[in-house]
Amino acid sequence: MNILEDLTTLISAQGVSVETGIFSDIAPDEYVVVTPMADTFELFADNLPEYDQQEARLSVYSKGNYLALKSKIIGALLSADFTITARQYIGHEDDTKYHHYGIDVAKLYQM
């Protein structure tokens, strides 16, 4: 598994549309775009990496109550052992009417 597969499965299970990189379909009222950010070898033993730390950014878009969607996604992430490294309200996009909220996550994958 990798972080993109895990996040897609997790967010889809919440009933939210999700895509990687860019949302290519007609956007629903709520959706998430996952952008990979980094892959690092943070933990070593005997000069070989033991874990691959993978990081991604979730861009959460909602035309309605973004707080409810944000809370649902954050709860699911924490329950699935993701580390949330940053959260930020990006702003309201007046032209599209979406609230945009960013969540950065990381997860360790054993090699």
PDB file of N, CA and C in Angstrom:
ATOM      1  N   MET A   1       0.845  -1.190   0.000  1.00  0.00           N
ATOM      2  CA  MET A   1       0.000   0.000   0.000  1.00  0.00           C
ATOM      3  C   MET A   1       0.883   1.244   0.000  1.00  0.00           C
ATOM      4  N   ASN A   2       0.260   2.352  -0.372  1.00  0.00           N
ATOM      5  CA  ASN A   2       0.926   3.638  -0.286  1.00  0.00           C
ATOM      6  C   ASN A   2      -0.081   4.678   0.170  1.00  0.00           C
ATOM      7  N   ILE A   3       0.389   5.868   0.456  1.00  0.00           N
ATOM      8  CA  ILE A   3      -0.467   6.879   1.048  1.00  0.00           C
ATOM      9  C   ILE A   3      -1.612   7.287   0.118  1.00  0.00           C
ATOM     10  N   LEU A   4      -1.366   7.324  -1.175  1.00  0.00           N
ATOM     11  CA  LEU A   4      -2.433   7.719  -2.104  1.00  0.00           C
ATOM     12  C   LEU A   4      -3.566   6.696  -2.117  1.00  0.00           C
ATOM     13  N   GLU A   5      -3.217   5.414  -2.133  1.00  0.00           N
ATOM     14  CA  GLU A   5      -4.241   4.361  -2.090  1.00  0.00           C
ATOM     15  C   GLU A   5      -4.998   4.412  -0.769  1.00  0.00           C
ATOM     16  N   ASP A   6      -4.253   4.548   0.333  1.00  0.00           N
ATOM     17  CA  ASP A   6      -4.888   4.577   1.649  1.00  0.00           C
ATOM     18  C   ASP A   6      -5.836   5.764   1.798  1.00  0.00           C
ATOM     19  N   LEU A   7      -5.402   6.924   1.343  1.00  0.00           N
ATOM     20  CA  LEU A   7      -6.252   8.118   1.466  1.00  0.00           C
ATOM     21  C   LEU A   7      -7.479   8.032   0.566  1.00  0.00           C
ATOM     22  N   THR A   8      -7.304   7.530  -0.632  1.00  0.00           N
ATOM     23  CA  THR A   8      -8.445   7.390  -1.541  1.00  0.00           C
ATOM     24  C   THR A   8      -9.493   6.448  -0.951  1.00  0.00           C
ATOM     25  N   THR A   9      -9.040   5.331  -0.403  1.00  0.00           N
ATOM     26  CA  THR A   9      -9.959   4.367   0.219  1.00  0.00           C
ATOM     27  C   THR A   9     -10.649   4.989   1.431  1.00  0.00           C
ATOM     28  N   LEU A  10      -9.887   5.664   2.274  1.00  0.00           N
ATOM     29  CA  LEU A  10     -10.426   6.264   3.496  1.00  0.00           C
ATOM     30  C   LEU A  10     -11.456   7.350   3.207  1.00  0.00           C
ATOM     31  N   ILE A  11     -11.142   8.240   2.287  1.00  0.00           N
ATOM     32  CA  ILE A  11     -12.049   9.357   1.983  1.00  0.00           C
ATOM     33  C   ILE A  11     -13.283   8.863   1.247  1.00  0.00           C
ATOM     34  N   SER A  12     -13.113   7.925   0.338  1.00  0.00           N
ATOM     35  CA  SER A  12     -14.267   7.344  -0.367  1.00  0.00           C
ATOM     36  C   SER A  12     -15.228   6.681   0.612  1.00  0.00           C
ATOM     37  N   ALA A  13     -14.673   6.033   1.638  1.00  0.00           N
ATOM     38  CA  ALA A  13     -15.513   5.377   2.650  1.00  0.00           C
ATOM     39  C   ALA A  13     -16.333   6.380   3.449  1.00  0.00           C
ATOM     40  N   GLN A  14     -15.939   7.647   3.428  1.00  0.00           N
ATOM     41  CA  GLN A  14     -16.693   8.703   4.116  1.00  0.00           C
ATOM     42  C   GLN A  14     -17.809   9.263   3.222  1.00  0.00           C
ATOM     43  N   GLY A  15     -17.930   8.725   2.020  1.00  0.00           N
ATOM     44  CA  GLY A  15     -18.958   9.197   1.101  1.00  0.00           C
ATOM     45  C   GLY A  15     -18.589  10.482   0.381  1.00  0.00           C
ATOM     46  N   VAL A  16     -17.295  10.751   0.283  1.00  0.00           N
ATOM     47  CA  VAL A  16     -16.814  11.982  -0.339  1.00  0.00           C
ATOM     48  C   VAL A  16     -16.047  11.612  -1.608  1.00  0.00           C
ATOM     49  N   SER A  17     -16.302  12.340  -2.688  1.00  0.00           N
ATOM     50  CA  SER A  17     -15.572  12.115  -3.934  1.00  0.00           C
ATOM     51  C   SER A  17     -14.123  12.536  -3.748  1.00  0.00           C
ATOM     52  N   VAL A  18     -13.200  11.760  -4.320  1.00  0.00           N
ATOM     53  CA  VAL A  18     -11.770  12.044  -4.158  1.00  0.00           C
ATOM     54  C   VAL A  18     -11.024  11.689  -5.436  1.00  0.00           C
ATOM     55  N   GLU A  19     -10.046  12.523  -5.781  1.00  0.00           N
ATOM     56  CA  GLU A  19      -9.147  12.245  -6.897  1.00  0.00           C
ATOM     57  C   GLU A  19      -7.751  12.716  -6.523  1.00  0.00           C
ATOM     58  N   THR A  20      -6.766  12.255  -7.276  1.00  0.00           N
ATOM     59  CA  THR A  20      -5.375  12.629  -7.042  1.00  0.00           C
ATOM     60  C   THR A  20      -4.948  13.695  -8.041  1.00  0.00           C
ATOM     61  N   GLY A  21      -4.336  14.768  -7.540  1.00  0.00           N
ATOM     62  CA  GLY A  21      -3.765  15.810  -8.384  1.00  0.00           C
ATOM     63  C   GLY A  21      -4.741  16.882  -8.814  1.00  0.00           C
ATOM     64  N   ILE A  22      -5.815  16.500  -9.465  1.00  0.00           N
ATOM     65  CA  ILE A  22      -6.813  17.449  -9.952  1.00  0.00           C
ATOM     66  C   ILE A  22      -8.153  16.720 -10.044  1.00  0.00           C
ATOM     67  N   PHE A  23      -9.232  17.425  -9.803  1.00  0.00           N
ATOM     68  CA  PHE A  23     -10.554  16.810  -9.921  1.00  0.00           C
ATOM     69  C   PHE A  23     -10.997  16.946 -11.364  1.00  0.00           C
ATOM     70  N   SER A  24     -11.087  15.829 -12.067  1.00  0.00           N
ATOM     71  CA  SER A  24     -11.316  15.854 -13.513  1.00  0.00           C
ATOM     72  C   SER A  24     -12.789  15.808 -13.911  1.00  0.00           C
ATOM     73  N   ASP A  25     -13.656  15.315 -13.025  1.00  0.00           N
ATOM     74  CA  ASP A  25     -15.081  15.252 -13.341  1.00  0.00           C
ATOM     75  C   ASP A  25     -15.758  16.574 -12.997  1.00  0.00           C
ATOM     76  N   ILE A  26     -17.055  16.634 -13.238  1.00  0.00           N
ATOM     77  CA  ILE A  26     -17.827  17.783 -12.774  1.00  0.00           C
ATOM     78  C   ILE A  26     -17.833  17.725 -11.258  1.00  0.00           C
ATOM     79  N   ALA A  27     -17.396  18.805 -10.640  1.00  0.00           N
ATOM     80  CA  ALA A  27     -17.205  18.812  -9.187  1.00  0.00           C
ATOM     81  C   ALA A  27     -18.538  18.806  -8.444  1.00  0.00           C
ATOM     82  N   PRO A  28     -18.681  17.895  -7.474  1.00  0.00           N
ATOM     83  CA  PRO A  28     -19.867  17.886  -6.622  1.00  0.00           C
ATOM     84  C   PRO A  28     -19.745  18.993  -5.566  1.00  0.00           C
ATOM     85  N   ASP A  29     -20.727  19.100  -4.691  1.00  0.00           N
ATOM     86  CA  ASP A  29     -20.696  20.141  -3.661  1.00  0.00           C
ATOM     87  C   ASP A  29     -19.588  19.928  -2.634  1.00  0.00           C
ATOM     88  N   GLU A  30     -19.151  18.691  -2.458  1.00  0.00           N
ATOM     89  CA  GLU A  30     -18.034  18.380  -1.566  1.00  0.00           C
ATOM     90  C   GLU A  30     -17.105  17.400  -2.269  1.00  0.00           C
ATOM     91  N   TYR A  31     -15.818  17.681  -2.221  1.00  0.00           N
ATOM     92  CA  TYR A  31     -14.842  16.753  -2.782  1.00  0.00           C
ATOM     93  C   TYR A  31     -13.471  17.041  -2.206  1.00  0.00           C
ATOM     94  N   VAL A  32     -12.551  16.089  -2.422  1.00  0.00           N
ATOM     95  CA  VAL A  32     -11.190  16.198  -1.913  1.00  0.00           C
ATOM     96  C   VAL A  32     -10.224  15.887  -3.047  1.00  0.00           C
ATOM     97  N   VAL A  33      -9.158  16.676  -3.124  1.00  0.00           N
ATOM     98  CA  VAL A  33      -8.063  16.413  -4.052  1.00  0.00           C
ATOM     99  C   VAL A  33      -6.833  16.085  -3.215  1.00  0.00           C
ATOM    100  N   VAL A  34      -6.200  14.943  -3.508  1.00  0.00           N
ATOM    101  CA  VAL A  34      -5.002  14.505  -2.787  1.00  0.00           C
ATOM    102  C   VAL A  34      -3.781  14.800  -3.655  1.00  0.00           C
ATOM    103  N   THR A  35      -2.803  15.487  -3.063  1.00  0.00           N
ATOM    104  CA  THR A  35      -1.565  15.810  -3.762  1.00  0.00           C
ATOM    105  C   THR A  35      -0.388  15.211  -3.002  1.00  0.00           C
ATOM    106  N   PRO A  36       0.380  14.315  -3.627  1.00  0.00           N
ATOM    107  CA  PRO A  36       1.552  13.773  -2.938  1.00  0.00           C
ATOM    108  C   PRO A  36       2.580  14.876  -2.719  1.00  0.00           C
ATOM    109  N   MET A  37       3.234  14.848  -1.538  1.00  0.00           N
ATOM    110  CA  MET A  37       4.195  15.904  -1.221  1.00  0.00           C
ATOM    111  C   MET A  37       5.616  15.391  -1.059  1.00  0.00           C
ATOM    112  N   ALA A  38       5.809  14.290  -0.343  1.00  0.00           N
ATOM    113  CA  ALA A  38       7.176  13.829  -0.072  1.00  0.00           C
ATOM    114  C   ALA A  38       7.186  12.346   0.277  1.00  0.00           C
ATOM    115  N   ASP A  39       8.300  11.731  -0.041  1.00  0.00           N
ATOM    116  CA  ASP A  39       8.610  10.365   0.388  1.00  0.00           C
ATOM    117  C   ASP A  39      10.020  10.422   0.957  1.00  0.00           C
ATOM    118  N   THR A  40      10.182  10.059   2.217  1.00  0.00           N
ATOM    119  CA  THR A  40      11.501  10.133   2.843  1.00  0.00           C
ATOM    120  C   THR A  40      11.778   8.866   3.633  1.00  0.00           C
ATOM    121  N   PHE A  41      13.059   8.593   3.820  1.00  0.00           N
ATOM    122  CA  PHE A  41      13.506   7.504   4.673  1.00  0.00           C
ATOM    123  C   PHE A  41      13.991   8.129   5.973  1.00  0.00           C
ATOM    124  N   GLU A  42      13.116   8.228   6.951  1.00  0.00           N
ATOM    125  CA  GLU A  42      13.452   8.891   8.203  1.00  0.00           C
ATOM    126  C   GLU A  42      14.096   7.964   9.221  1.00  0.00           C
ATOM    127  N   LEU A  43      13.743   6.696   9.208  1.00  0.00           N
ATOM    128  CA  LEU A  43      14.225   5.754  10.225  1.00  0.00           C
ATOM    129  C   LEU A  43      15.125   4.706   9.598  1.00  0.00           C
ATOM    130  N   PHE A  44      16.345   4.592  10.147  1.00  0.00           N
ATOM    131  CA  PHE A  44      17.334   3.673   9.601  1.00  0.00           C
ATOM    132  C   PHE A  44      17.773   2.665  10.653  1.00  0.00           C
ATOM    133  N   ALA A  45      18.225   1.520  10.180  1.00  0.00           N
ATOM    134  CA  ALA A  45      18.874   0.519  11.021  1.00  0.00           C
ATOM    135  C   ALA A  45      19.902  -0.187  10.140  1.00  0.00           C
ATOM    136  N   ASP A  46      21.117  -0.288  10.619  1.00  0.00           N
ATOM    137  CA  ASP A  46      22.197  -0.907   9.844  1.00  0.00           C
ATOM    138  C   ASP A  46      22.356  -0.258   8.468  1.00  0.00           C
ATOM    139  N   ASN A  47      22.209   1.065   8.430  1.00  0.00           N
ATOM    140  CA  ASN A  47      22.375   1.863   7.207  1.00  0.00           C
ATOM    141  C   ASN A  47      21.339   1.570   6.120  1.00  0.00           C
ATOM    142  N   LEU A  48      20.272   0.881   6.476  1.00  0.00           N
ATOM    143  CA  LEU A  48      19.197   0.625   5.522  1.00  0.00           C
ATOM    144  C   LEU A  48      17.901   1.213   6.058  1.00  0.00           C
ATOM    145  N   PRO A  49      17.087   1.769   5.187  1.00  0.00           N
ATOM    146  CA  PRO A  49      15.822   2.332   5.663  1.00  0.00           C
ATOM    147  C   PRO A  49      14.878   1.235   6.145  1.00  0.00           C
ATOM    148  N   GLU A  50      14.252   1.485   7.266  1.00  0.00           N
ATOM    149  CA  GLU A  50      13.264   0.557   7.812  1.00  0.00           C
ATOM    150  C   GLU A  50      11.842   0.974   7.426  1.00  0.00           C
ATOM    151  N   TYR A  51      11.652   2.285   7.278  1.00  0.00           N
ATOM    152  CA  TYR A  51      10.319   2.826   6.982  1.00  0.00           C
ATOM    153  C   TYR A  51      10.415   3.872   5.886  1.00  0.00           C
ATOM    154  N   ASP A  52       9.368   3.935   5.100  1.00  0.00           N
ATOM    155  CA  ASP A  52       9.192   4.975   4.097  1.00  0.00           C
ATOM    156  C   ASP A  52       8.121   5.923   4.642  1.00  0.00           C
ATOM    157  N   GLN A  53       8.511   7.150   4.947  1.00  0.00           N
ATOM    158  CA  GLN A  53       7.522   8.127   5.412  1.00  0.00           C
ATOM    159  C   GLN A  53       6.961   8.841   4.191  1.00  0.00           C
ATOM    160  N   GLN A  54       5.661   8.727   3.994  1.00  0.00           N
ATOM    161  CA  GLN A  54       5.002   9.349   2.852  1.00  0.00           C
ATOM    162  C   GLN A  54       4.086  10.457   3.344  1.00  0.00           C
ATOM    163  N   GLU A  55       4.072  11.563   2.599  1.00  0.00           N
ATOM    164  CA  GLU A  55       3.277  12.723   2.979  1.00  0.00           C
ATOM    165  C   GLU A  55       2.414  13.177   1.806  1.00  0.00           C
ATOM    166  N   ALA A  56       1.243  13.709   2.139  1.00  0.00           N
ATOM    167  CA  ALA A  56       0.326  14.202   1.114  1.00  0.00           C
ATOM    168  C   ALA A  56      -0.483  15.360   1.682  1.00  0.00           C
ATOM    169  N   ARG A  57      -1.012  16.162   0.786  1.00  0.00           N
ATOM    170  CA  ARG A  57      -1.905  17.261   1.169  1.00  0.00           C
ATOM    171  C   ARG A  57      -3.309  16.952   0.669  1.00  0.00           C
ATOM    172  N   LEU A  58      -4.276  17.086   1.564  1.00  0.00           N
ATOM    173  CA  LEU A  58      -5.684  16.955   1.200  1.00  0.00           C
ATOM    174  C   LEU A  58      -6.246  18.357   1.032  1.00  0.00           C
ATOM    175  N   SER A  59      -6.740  18.659  -0.146  1.00  0.00           N
ATOM    176  CA  SER A  59      -7.444  19.914  -0.377  1.00  0.00           C
ATOM    177  C   SER A  59      -8.928  19.583  -0.329  1.00  0.00           C
ATOM    178  N   VAL A  60      -9.577  20.072   0.718  1.00  0.00           N
ATOM    179  CA  VAL A  60     -10.985  19.773   0.977  1.00  0.00           C
ATOM    180  C   VAL A  60     -11.813  20.946   0.454  1.00  0.00           C
ATOM    181  N   TYR A  61     -12.779  20.650  -0.395  1.00  0.00           N
ATOM    182  CA  TYR A  61     -13.643  21.684  -0.974  1.00  0.00           C
ATOM    183  C   TYR A  61     -15.093  21.423  -0.589  1.00  0.00           C
ATOM    184  N   SER A  62     -15.774  22.468  -0.164  1.00  0.00           N
ATOM    185  CA  SER A  62     -17.185  22.327   0.213  1.00  0.00           C
ATOM    186  C   SER A  62     -17.933  23.616  -0.087  1.00  0.00           C
ATOM    187  N   LYS A  63     -19.100  23.482  -0.697  1.00  0.00           N
ATOM    188  CA  LYS A  63     -19.960  24.641  -0.917  1.00  0.00           C
ATOM    189  C   LYS A  63     -20.845  24.897   0.292  1.00  0.00           C
ATOM    190  N   GLY A  64     -20.930  23.929   1.196  1.00  0.00           N
ATOM    191  CA  GLY A  64     -21.778  24.059   2.374  1.00  0.00           C
ATOM    192  C   GLY A  64     -20.946  24.247   3.626  1.00  0.00           C
ATOM    193  N   ASN A  65     -21.303  23.504   4.659  1.00  0.00           N
ATOM    194  CA  ASN A  65     -20.638  23.588   5.955  1.00  0.00           C
ATOM    195  C   ASN A  65     -19.315  22.821   5.906  1.00  0.00           C
ATOM    196  N   TYR A  66     -18.242  23.532   5.624  1.00  0.00           N
ATOM    197  CA  TYR A  66     -16.946  22.865   5.519  1.00  0.00           C
ATOM    198  C   TYR A  66     -16.471  22.330   6.869  1.00  0.00           C
ATOM    199  N   LEU A  67     -16.955  22.901   7.963  1.00  0.00           N
ATOM    200  CA  LEU A  67     -16.527  22.453   9.292  1.00  0.00           C
ATOM    201  C   LEU A  67     -16.953  21.010   9.567  1.00  0.00           C
ATOM    202  N   ALA A  68     -18.156  20.658   9.157  1.00  0.00           N
ATOM    203  CA  ALA A  68     -18.636  19.285   9.350  1.00  0.00           C
ATOM    204  C   ALA A  68     -17.811  18.308   8.516  1.00  0.00           C
ATOM    205  N   LEU A  69     -17.532  18.665   7.267  1.00  0.00           N
ATOM    206  CA  LEU A  69     -16.731  17.804   6.396  1.00  0.00           C
ATOM    207  C   LEU A  69     -15.314  17.690   6.930  1.00  0.00           C
ATOM    208  N   LYS A  70     -14.722  18.796   7.341  1.00  0.00           N
ATOM    209  CA  LYS A  70     -13.368  18.793   7.908  1.00  0.00           C
ATOM    210  C   LYS A  70     -13.301  17.876   9.119  1.00  0.00           C
ATOM    211  N   SER A  71     -14.252  17.995  10.025  1.00  0.00           N
ATOM    212  CA  SER A  71     -14.261  17.172  11.235  1.00  0.00           C
ATOM    213  C   SER A  71     -14.397  15.686  10.911  1.00  0.00           C
ATOM    214  N   LYS A  72     -15.246  15.356   9.949  1.00  0.00           N
ATOM    215  CA  LYS A  72     -15.438  13.959   9.555  1.00  0.00           C
ATOM    216  C   LYS A  72     -14.140  13.377   8.992  1.00  0.00           C
ATOM    217  N   ILE A  73     -13.465  14.128   8.137  1.00  0.00           N
ATOM    218  CA  ILE A  73     -12.229  13.648   7.522  1.00  0.00           C
ATOM    219  C   ILE A  73     -11.110  13.539   8.560  1.00  0.00           C
ATOM    220  N   ILE A  74     -10.979  14.531   9.422  1.00  0.00           N
ATOM    221  CA  ILE A  74      -9.932  14.495  10.447  1.00  0.00           C
ATOM    222  C   ILE A  74     -10.147  13.314  11.393  1.00  0.00           C
ATOM    223  N   GLY A  75     -11.375  13.069  11.802  1.00  0.00           N
ATOM    224  CA  GLY A  75     -11.669  11.922  12.659  1.00  0.00           C
ATOM    225  C   GLY A  75     -11.290  10.613  11.997  1.00  0.00           C
ATOM    226  N   ALA A  76     -11.602  10.478  10.721  1.00  0.00           N
ATOM    227  CA  ALA A  76     -11.258   9.253   9.989  1.00  0.00           C
ATOM    228  C   ALA A  76      -9.742   9.105   9.851  1.00  0.00           C
ATOM    229  N   LEU A  77      -9.048  10.195   9.590  1.00  0.00           N
ATOM    230  CA  LEU A  77      -7.589  10.149   9.465  1.00  0.00           C
ATOM    231  C   LEU A  77      -6.937   9.704  10.769  1.00  0.00           C
ATOM    232  N   LEU A  78      -7.357  10.280  11.874  1.00  0.00           N
ATOM    233  CA  LEU A  78      -6.770   9.935  13.163  1.00  0.00           C
ATOM    234  C   LEU A  78      -7.075   8.481  13.539  1.00  0.00           C
ATOM    235  N   SER A  79      -8.274   8.025  13.225  1.00  0.00           N
ATOM    236  CA  SER A  79      -8.638   6.632  13.514  1.00  0.00           C
ATOM    237  C   SER A  79      -7.828   5.646  12.686  1.00  0.00           C
ATOM    238  N   ALA A  80      -7.344   6.095  11.519  1.00  0.00           N
ATOM    239  CA  ALA A  80      -6.573   5.225  10.630  1.00  0.00           C
ATOM    240  C   ALA A  80      -5.062   5.413  10.818  1.00  0.00           C
ATOM    241  N   ASP A  81      -4.661   6.011  11.930  1.00  0.00           N
ATOM    242  CA  ASP A  81      -3.239   6.178  12.274  1.00  0.00           C
ATOM    243  C   ASP A  81      -2.450   7.074  11.332  1.00  0.00           C
ATOM    244  N   PHE A  82      -3.096   8.042  10.723  1.00  0.00           N
ATOM    245  CA  PHE A  82      -2.369   9.066   9.978  1.00  0.00           C
ATOM    246  C   PHE A  82      -1.908  10.134  10.961  1.00  0.00           C
ATOM    247  N   THR A  83      -0.757  10.727  10.686  1.00  0.00           N
ATOM    248  CA  THR A  83      -0.284  11.876  11.450  1.00  0.00           C
ATOM    249  C   THR A  83      -0.695  13.125  10.690  1.00  0.00           C
ATOM    250  N   ILE A  84      -1.403  14.009  11.354  1.00  0.00           N
ATOM    251  CA  ILE A  84      -1.786  15.275  10.732  1.00  0.00           C
ATOM    252  C   ILE A  84      -0.701  16.287  11.080  1.00  0.00           C
ATOM    253  N   THR A  85       0.001  16.773  10.056  1.00  0.00           N
ATOM    254  CA  THR A  85       1.124  17.673  10.279  1.00  0.00           C
ATOM    255  C   THR A  85       0.751  19.143  10.144  1.00  0.00           C
ATOM    256  N   ALA A  86      -0.367  19.440   9.486  1.00  0.00           N
ATOM    257  CA  ALA A  86      -0.812  20.835   9.347  1.00  0.00           C
ATOM    258  C   ALA A  86      -2.280  20.862   8.939  1.00  0.00           C
ATOM    259  N   ARG A  87      -2.965  21.914   9.383  1.00  0.00           N
ATOM    260  CA  ARG A  87      -4.359  22.166   8.979  1.00  0.00           C
ATOM    261  C   ARG A  87      -4.492  23.675   8.773  1.00  0.00           C
ATOM    262  N   GLN A  88      -5.200  24.053   7.712  1.00  0.00           N
ATOM    263  CA  GLN A  88      -5.314  25.480   7.439  1.00  0.00           C
ATOM    264  C   GLN A  88      -6.533  25.776   6.569  1.00  0.00           C
ATOM    265  N   TYR A  89      -7.281  26.801   6.969  1.00  0.00           N
ATOM    266  CA  TYR A  89      -8.353  27.299   6.104  1.00  0.00           C
ATOM    267  C   TYR A  89      -7.693  28.165   5.044  1.00  0.00           C
ATOM    268  N   ILE A  90      -7.834  27.781   3.791  1.00  0.00           N
ATOM    269  CA  ILE A  90      -7.204  28.506   2.690  1.00  0.00           C
ATOM    270  C   ILE A  90      -8.044  29.727   2.319  1.00  0.00           C
ATOM    271  N   GLY A  91      -9.359  29.547   2.287  1.00  0.00           N
ATOM    272  CA  GLY A  91     -10.235  30.671   1.978  1.00  0.00           C
ATOM    273  C   GLY A  91     -11.467  30.237   1.211  1.00  0.00           C
ATOM    274  N   HIS A  92     -12.323  31.227   0.961  1.00  0.00           N
ATOM    275  CA  HIS A  92     -13.525  31.006   0.159  1.00  0.00           C
ATOM    276  C   HIS A  92     -13.227  31.466  -1.253  1.00  0.00           C
ATOM    277  N   GLU A  93     -13.487  30.592  -2.207  1.00  0.00           N
ATOM    278  CA  GLU A  93     -13.261  30.923  -3.610  1.00  0.00           C
ATOM    279  C   GLU A  93     -14.554  31.508  -4.171  1.00  0.00           C
ATOM    280  N   ASP A  94     -14.586  32.821  -4.292  1.00  0.00           N
ATOM    281  CA  ASP A  94     -15.808  33.515  -4.682  1.00  0.00           C
ATOM    282  C   ASP A  94     -16.308  33.105  -6.065  1.00  0.00           C
ATOM    283  N   ASP A  95     -15.394  32.796  -6.977  1.00  0.00           N
ATOM    284  CA  ASP A  95     -15.826  32.444  -8.333  1.00  0.00           C
ATOM    285  C   ASP A  95     -16.476  31.067  -8.399  1.00  0.00           C
ATOM    286  N   THR A  96     -16.043  30.124  -7.544  1.00  0.00           N
ATOM    287  CA  THR A  96     -16.609  28.778  -7.570  1.00  0.00           C
ATOM    288  C   THR A  96     -17.568  28.506  -6.405  1.00  0.00           C
ATOM    289  N   LYS A  97     -17.539  29.383  -5.405  1.00  0.00           N
ATOM    290  CA  LYS A  97     -18.392  29.274  -4.205  1.00  0.00           C
ATOM    291  C   LYS A  97     -17.963  28.150  -3.256  1.00  0.00           C
ATOM    292  N   TYR A  98     -16.724  27.665  -3.376  1.00  0.00           N
ATOM    293  CA  TYR A  98     -16.220  26.618  -2.502  1.00  0.00           C
ATOM    294  C   TYR A  98     -15.399  27.205  -1.355  1.00  0.00           C
ATOM    295  N   HIS A  99     -15.581  26.618  -0.165  1.00  0.00           N
ATOM    296  CA  HIS A  99     -14.625  26.819   0.916  1.00  0.00           C
ATOM    297  C   HIS A  99     -13.484  25.852   0.637  1.00  0.00           C
ATOM    298  N   HIS A 100     -12.250  26.289   0.867  1.00  0.00           N
ATOM    299  CA  HIS A 100     -11.073  25.451   0.615  1.00  0.00           C
ATOM    300  C   HIS A 100     -10.310  25.313   1.926  1.00  0.00           C
ATOM    301  N   TYR A 101     -10.115  24.057   2.349  1.00  0.00           N
ATOM    302  CA  TYR A 101      -9.423  23.758   3.602  1.00  0.00           C
ATOM    303  C   TYR A 101      -8.320  22.749   3.306  1.00  0.00           C
ATOM    304  N   GLY A 102      -7.123  22.983   3.837  1.00  0.00           N
ATOM    305  CA  GLY A 102      -5.988  22.095   3.592  1.00  0.00           C
ATOM    306  C   GLY A 102      -5.630  21.274   4.820  1.00  0.00           C
ATOM    307  N   ILE A 103      -5.360  19.991   4.592  1.00  0.00           N
ATOM    308  CA  ILE A 103      -4.918  19.088   5.659  1.00  0.00           C
ATOM    309  C   ILE A 103      -3.690  18.345   5.126  1.00  0.00           C
ATOM    310  N   ASP A 104      -2.556  18.516   5.807  1.00  0.00           N
ATOM    311  CA  ASP A 104      -1.345  17.782   5.448  1.00  0.00           C
ATOM    312  C   ASP A 104      -1.217  16.562   6.355  1.00  0.00           C
ATOM    313  N   VAL A 105      -0.906  15.422   5.758  1.00  0.00           N
ATOM    314  CA  VAL A 105      -0.822  14.173   6.522  1.00  0.00           C
ATOM    315  C   VAL A 105       0.462  13.425   6.179  1.00  0.00           C
ATOM    316  N   ALA A 106       0.853  12.561   7.106  1.00  0.00           N
ATOM    317  CA  ALA A 106       2.010  11.693   6.901  1.00  0.00           C
ATOM    318  C   ALA A 106       1.685  10.316   7.475  1.00  0.00           C
ATOM    319  N   LYS A 107       2.345   9.304   6.912  1.00  0.00           N
ATOM    320  CA  LYS A 107       2.179   7.948   7.414  1.00  0.00           C
ATOM    321  C   LYS A 107       3.449   7.159   7.135  1.00  0.00           C
ATOM    322  N   LEU A 108       3.823   6.304   8.079  1.00  0.00           N
ATOM    323  CA  LEU A 108       4.987   5.442   7.911  1.00  0.00           C
ATOM    324  C   LEU A 108       4.583   4.106   7.322  1.00  0.00           C
ATOM    325  N   TYR A 109       5.364   3.650   6.352  1.00  0.00           N
ATOM    326  CA  TYR A 109       5.146   2.347   5.733  1.00  0.00           C
ATOM    327  C   TYR A 109       6.418   1.531   5.909  1.00  0.00           C
ATOM    328  N   GLN A 110       6.289   0.372   6.532  1.00  0.00           N
ATOM    329  CA  GLN A 110       7.456  -0.474   6.749  1.00  0.00           C
ATOM    330  C   GLN A 110       7.956  -1.027   5.438  1.00  0.00           C
ATOM    331  N   MET A 111       9.268  -1.024   5.261  1.00  0.00           N
ATOM    332  CA  MET A 111       9.885  -1.491   4.020  1.00  0.00           C
ATOM    333  C   MET A 111       9.863  -3.010   3.970  1.00  0.00           C
TER     334      MET A 111
END
